[in-house]
């Protein structure tokens, strides 16, 4: 997958705040993504993130 810093990802599972949209802050083996609903930041392994992506904007 071609995911770059600044992309907005729409994930299959929603965050507890109710948002499905996440912004990519850092790429590599792990991704740092930020919830666009509440601003929470998470580090997630590439393999797990790519499996959960529904759409890339």
PDB file of N, CA and C in Angstrom:
ATOM      1  N   UNK A   1       0.840  -1.188   0.000  1.00  0.00           N
ATOM      2  CA  UNK A   1       0.000   0.000   0.000  1.00  0.00           C
ATOM      3  C   UNK A   1       0.878   1.242   0.000  1.00  0.00           C
ATOM      4  N   UNK A   2       0.386   2.270  -0.649  1.00  0.00           N
ATOM      5  CA  UNK A   2       1.125   3.524  -0.724  1.00  0.00           C
ATOM      6  C   UNK A   2       0.504   4.531   0.250  1.00  0.00           C
ATOM      7  N   UNK A   3       0.995   4.518   1.480  1.00  0.00           N
ATOM      8  CA  UNK A   3       0.487   5.404   2.523  1.00  0.00           C
ATOM      9  C   UNK A   3       1.569   6.425   2.833  1.00  0.00           C
ATOM     10  N   UNK A   4       1.206   7.699   2.813  1.00  0.00           N
ATOM     11  CA  UNK A   4       2.168   8.777   3.051  1.00  0.00           C
ATOM     12  C   UNK A   4       1.726   9.628   4.230  1.00  0.00           C
ATOM     13  N   UNK A   5       2.670  10.370   4.785  1.00  0.00           N
ATOM     14  CA  UNK A   5       2.370  11.291   5.881  1.00  0.00           C
ATOM     15  C   UNK A   5       1.364  12.330   5.376  1.00  0.00           C
ATOM     16  N   UNK A   6       0.333  12.557   6.164  1.00  0.00           N
ATOM     17  CA  UNK A   6      -0.695  13.523   5.795  1.00  0.00           C
ATOM     18  C   UNK A   6      -1.952  12.881   5.225  1.00  0.00           C
ATOM     19  N   UNK A   7      -1.873  11.613   4.803  1.00  0.00           N
ATOM     20  CA  UNK A   7      -3.062  10.915   4.304  1.00  0.00           C
ATOM     21  C   UNK A   7      -4.072  10.737   5.431  1.00  0.00           C
ATOM     22  N   UNK A   8      -5.347  10.696   5.069  1.00  0.00           N
ATOM     23  CA  UNK A   8      -6.409  10.402   6.023  1.00  0.00           C
ATOM     24  C   UNK A   8      -6.904   8.999   5.725  1.00  0.00           C
ATOM     25  N   UNK A   9      -6.869   8.144   6.729  1.00  0.00           N
ATOM     26  CA  UNK A   9      -7.278   6.750   6.585  1.00  0.00           C
ATOM     27  C   UNK A   9      -8.663   6.556   7.195  1.00  0.00           C
ATOM     28  N   UNK A  10      -9.491   5.784   6.519  1.00  0.00           N
ATOM     29  CA  UNK A  10     -10.796   5.398   7.048  1.00  0.00           C
ATOM     30  C   UNK A  10     -10.682   3.935   7.444  1.00  0.00           C
ATOM     31  N   UNK A  11     -10.740   3.647   8.747  1.00  0.00           N
ATOM     32  CA  UNK A  11     -10.529   2.287   9.245  1.00  0.00           C
ATOM     33  C   UNK A  11     -11.853   1.547   9.444  1.00  0.00           C
ATOM     34  N   UNK A  12     -11.772   0.207   9.454  1.00  0.00           N
ATOM     35  CA  UNK A  12     -12.961  -0.630   9.616  1.00  0.00           C
ATOM     36  C   UNK A  12     -13.587  -0.461  10.996  1.00  0.00           C
ATOM     37  N   UNK A  13     -12.744  -0.470  12.038  1.00  0.00           N
ATOM     38  CA  UNK A  13     -13.248  -0.339  13.405  1.00  0.00           C
ATOM     39  C   UNK A  13     -13.171   1.114  13.839  1.00  0.00           C
ATOM     40  N   UNK A  14     -14.186   1.561  14.551  1.00  0.00           N
ATOM     41  CA  UNK A  14     -14.171   2.946  15.004  1.00  0.00           C
ATOM     42  C   UNK A  14     -13.455   3.090  16.338  1.00  0.00           C
ATOM     43  N   UNK A  15     -12.941   4.282  16.572  1.00  0.00           N
ATOM     44  CA  UNK A  15     -12.307   4.636  17.833  1.00  0.00           C
ATOM     45  C   UNK A  15     -13.425   4.801  18.875  1.00  0.00           C
ATOM     46  N   UNK A  16     -13.154   4.621  20.150  1.00  0.00           N
ATOM     47  CA  UNK A  16     -14.202   4.792  21.167  1.00  0.00           C
ATOM     48  C   UNK A  16     -14.904   6.156  21.123  1.00  0.00           C
ATOM     49  N   UNK A  17     -14.260   7.176  20.562  1.00  0.00           N
ATOM     50  CA  UNK A  17     -14.914   8.489  20.455  1.00  0.00           C
ATOM     51  C   UNK A  17     -15.947   8.510  19.329  1.00  0.00           C
ATOM     52  N   UNK A  18     -15.950   7.476  18.473  1.00  0.00           N
ATOM     53  CA  UNK A  18     -16.945   7.380  17.409  1.00  0.00           C
ATOM     54  C   UNK A  18     -16.412   7.674  16.013  1.00  0.00           C
ATOM     55  N   UNK A  19     -15.165   8.114  15.895  1.00  0.00           N
ATOM     56  CA  UNK A  19     -14.596   8.470  14.597  1.00  0.00           C
ATOM     57  C   UNK A  19     -13.937   7.266  13.922  1.00  0.00           C
ATOM     58  N   UNK A  20     -14.049   7.200  12.597  1.00  0.00           N
ATOM     59  CA  UNK A  20     -13.378   6.174  11.800  1.00  0.00           C
ATOM     60  C   UNK A  20     -12.157   6.753  11.087  1.00  0.00           C
ATOM     61  N   UNK A  21     -11.969   8.077  11.134  1.00  0.00           N
ATOM     62  CA  UNK A  21     -10.926   8.747  10.351  1.00  0.00           C
ATOM     63  C   UNK A  21      -9.685   9.032  11.184  1.00  0.00           C
ATOM     64  N   UNK A  22      -8.520   8.703  10.581  1.00  0.00           N
ATOM     65  CA  UNK A  22      -7.225   8.880  11.228  1.00  0.00           C
ATOM     66  C   UNK A  22      -6.265   9.546  10.261  1.00  0.00           C
ATOM     67  N   UNK A  23      -5.432  10.440  10.759  1.00  0.00           N
ATOM     68  CA  UNK A  23      -4.400  11.096   9.953  1.00  0.00           C
ATOM     69  C   UNK A  23      -3.054  10.426  10.227  1.00  0.00           C
ATOM     70  N   UNK A  24      -2.270  10.177   9.157  1.00  0.00           N
ATOM     71  CA  UNK A  24      -0.957   9.560   9.293  1.00  0.00           C
ATOM     72  C   UNK A  24       0.058  10.641   9.660  1.00  0.00           C
ATOM     73  N   UNK A  25       0.757  10.453  10.779  1.00  0.00           N
ATOM     74  CA  UNK A  25       1.772  11.406  11.228  1.00  0.00           C
ATOM     75  C   UNK A  25       3.188  10.910  10.956  1.00  0.00           C
ATOM     76  N   UNK A  26       3.376   9.575  10.922  1.00  0.00           N
ATOM     77  CA  UNK A  26       4.706   8.995  10.730  1.00  0.00           C
ATOM     78  C   UNK A  26       4.556   7.625  10.076  1.00  0.00           C
ATOM     79  N   UNK A  27       5.472   7.302   9.159  1.00  0.00           N
ATOM     80  CA  UNK A  27       5.447   5.996   8.505  1.00  0.00           C
ATOM     81  C   UNK A  27       6.735   5.243   8.784  1.00  0.00           C
ATOM     82  N   UNK A  28       6.763   3.989   8.400  1.00  0.00           N
ATOM     83  CA  UNK A  28       7.920   3.129   8.617  1.00  0.00           C
ATOM     84  C   UNK A  28       7.423   1.745   8.961  1.00  0.00           C
ATOM     85  N   UNK A  29       8.158   1.032   9.794  1.00  0.00           N
ATOM     86  CA  UNK A  29       7.690  -0.287  10.236  1.00  0.00           C
ATOM     87  C   UNK A  29       6.445  -0.115  11.094  1.00  0.00           C
ATOM     88  N   UNK A  30       6.439   0.925  11.910  1.00  0.00           N
ATOM     89  CA  UNK A  30       5.261   1.303  12.696  1.00  0.00           C
ATOM     90  C   UNK A  30       4.719   2.614  12.148  1.00  0.00           C
ATOM     91  N   UNK A  31       3.427   2.806  12.300  1.00  0.00           N
ATOM     92  CA  UNK A  31       2.788   4.059  11.916  1.00  0.00           C
ATOM     93  C   UNK A  31       2.365   4.799  13.167  1.00  0.00           C
ATOM     94  N   UNK A  32       2.469   6.121  13.154  1.00  0.00           N
ATOM     95  CA  UNK A  32       1.853   6.948  14.194  1.00  0.00           C
ATOM     96  C   UNK A  32       0.654   7.593  13.521  1.00  0.00           C
ATOM     97  N   UNK A  33      -0.531   7.327  14.068  1.00  0.00           N
ATOM     98  CA  UNK A  33      -1.751   7.894  13.506  1.00  0.00           C
ATOM     99  C   UNK A  33      -2.480   8.682  14.588  1.00  0.00           C
ATOM    100  N   UNK A  34      -3.237   9.697  14.147  1.00  0.00           N
ATOM    101  CA  UNK A  34      -3.966  10.569  15.069  1.00  0.00           C
ATOM    102  C   UNK A  34      -5.449  10.527  14.728  1.00  0.00           C
ATOM    103  N   UNK A  35      -6.266  10.273  15.722  1.00  0.00           N
ATOM    104  CA  UNK A  35      -7.714  10.263  15.544  1.00  0.00           C
ATOM    105  C   UNK A  35      -8.183  11.677  15.240  1.00  0.00           C
ATOM    106  N   UNK A  36      -8.981  11.829  14.177  1.00  0.00           N
ATOM    107  CA  UNK A  36      -9.484  13.153  13.824  1.00  0.00           C
ATOM    108  C   UNK A  36     -10.700  13.548  14.637  1.00  0.00           C
ATOM    109  N   UNK A  37     -11.224  12.624  15.431  1.00  0.00           N
ATOM    110  CA  UNK A  37     -12.361  12.932  16.291  1.00  0.00           C
ATOM    111  C   UNK A  37     -11.929  13.574  17.598  1.00  0.00           C
ATOM    112  N   UNK A  38     -10.936  12.955  18.269  1.00  0.00           N
ATOM    113  CA  UNK A  38     -10.554  13.432  19.601  1.00  0.00           C
ATOM    114  C   UNK A  38      -9.082  13.844  19.706  1.00  0.00           C
ATOM    115  N   UNK A  39      -8.269  13.539  18.687  1.00  0.00           N
ATOM    116  CA  UNK A  39      -6.865  13.936  18.710  1.00  0.00           C
ATOM    117  C   UNK A  39      -5.929  12.923  19.350  1.00  0.00           C
ATOM    118  N   UNK A  40      -6.431  11.767  19.766  1.00  0.00           N
ATOM    119  CA  UNK A  40      -5.605  10.725  20.391  1.00  0.00           C
ATOM    120  C   UNK A  40      -4.613  10.169  19.372  1.00  0.00           C
ATOM    121  N   UNK A  41      -3.347   9.987  19.790  1.00  0.00           N
ATOM    122  CA  UNK A  41      -2.318   9.455  18.899  1.00  0.00           C
ATOM    123  C   UNK A  41      -1.941   8.042  19.310  1.00  0.00           C
ATOM    124  N   UNK A  42      -1.716   7.175  18.293  1.00  0.00           N
ATOM    125  CA  UNK A  42      -1.438   5.767  18.525  1.00  0.00           C
ATOM    126  C   UNK A  42      -0.304   5.325  17.612  1.00  0.00           C
ATOM    127  N   UNK A  43       0.600   4.475  18.146  1.00  0.00           N
ATOM    128  CA  UNK A  43       1.599   3.791  17.318  1.00  0.00           C
ATOM    129  C   UNK A  43       1.031   2.404  17.025  1.00  0.00           C
ATOM    130  N   UNK A  44       1.035   2.006  15.741  1.00  0.00           N
ATOM    131  CA  UNK A  44       0.455   0.728  15.349  1.00  0.00           C
ATOM    132  C   UNK A  44       1.357   0.067  14.305  1.00  0.00           C
ATOM    133  N   UNK A  45       1.597  -1.237  14.413  1.00  0.00           N
ATOM    134  CA  UNK A  45       2.438  -1.926  13.431  1.00  0.00           C
ATOM    135  C   UNK A  45       1.837  -1.864  12.021  1.00  0.00           C
ATOM    136  N   UNK A  46       2.695  -1.793  11.006  1.00  0.00           N
ATOM    137  CA  UNK A  46       2.275  -1.678   9.611  1.00  0.00           C
ATOM    138  C   UNK A  46       1.299  -2.795   9.213  1.00  0.00           C
ATOM    139  N   UNK A  47       1.619  -4.026   9.563  1.00  0.00           N
ATOM    140  CA  UNK A  47       0.802  -5.179   9.167  1.00  0.00           C
ATOM    141  C   UNK A  47      -0.626  -5.066   9.709  1.00  0.00           C
ATOM    142  N   UNK A  48      -0.756  -4.681  10.970  1.00  0.00           N
ATOM    143  CA  UNK A  48      -2.071  -4.547  11.596  1.00  0.00           C
ATOM    144  C   UNK A  48      -2.862  -3.396  10.972  1.00  0.00           C
ATOM    145  N   UNK A  49      -2.186  -2.276  10.703  1.00  0.00           N
ATOM    146  CA  UNK A  49      -2.864  -1.119  10.127  1.00  0.00           C
ATOM    147  C   UNK A  49      -3.355  -1.412   8.713  1.00  0.00           C
ATOM    148  N   UNK A  50      -2.497  -2.015   7.873  1.00  0.00           N
ATOM    149  CA  UNK A  50      -2.884  -2.296   6.485  1.00  0.00           C
ATOM    150  C   UNK A  50      -4.086  -3.234   6.419  1.00  0.00           C
ATOM    151  N   UNK A  51      -4.210  -4.141   7.385  1.00  0.00           N
ATOM    152  CA  UNK A  51      -5.339  -5.066   7.419  1.00  0.00           C
ATOM    153  C   UNK A  51      -6.641  -4.346   7.754  1.00  0.00           C
ATOM    154  N   UNK A  52      -6.559  -3.260   8.539  1.00  0.00           N
ATOM    155  CA  UNK A  52      -7.756  -2.567   9.019  1.00  0.00           C
ATOM    156  C   UNK A  52      -8.194  -1.382   8.180  1.00  0.00           C
ATOM    157  N   UNK A  53      -7.467  -1.065   7.094  1.00  0.00           N
ATOM    158  CA  UNK A  53      -7.813   0.102   6.277  1.00  0.00           C
ATOM    159  C   UNK A  53      -8.972  -0.233   5.346  1.00  0.00           C
ATOM    160  N   UNK A  54      -9.957   0.652   5.329  1.00  0.00           N
ATOM    161  CA  UNK A  54     -11.102   0.523   4.420  1.00  0.00           C
ATOM    162  C   UNK A  54     -10.919   1.445   3.219  1.00  0.00           C
ATOM    163  N   UNK A  55     -10.396   2.672   3.448  1.00  0.00           N
ATOM    164  CA  UNK A  55     -10.241   3.658   2.386  1.00  0.00           C
ATOM    165  C   UNK A  55      -9.122   4.626   2.734  1.00  0.00           C
ATOM    166  N   UNK A  56      -8.449   5.163   1.706  1.00  0.00           N
ATOM    167  CA  UNK A  56      -7.405   6.179   1.886  1.00  0.00           C
ATOM    168  C   UNK A  56      -7.829   7.413   1.132  1.00  0.00           C
ATOM    169  N   UNK A  57      -7.835   8.552   1.822  1.00  0.00           N
ATOM    170  CA  UNK A  57      -8.226   9.820   1.176  1.00  0.00           C
ATOM    171  C   UNK A  57      -7.013  10.704   1.017  1.00  0.00           C
TER     172      UNK A  57
END
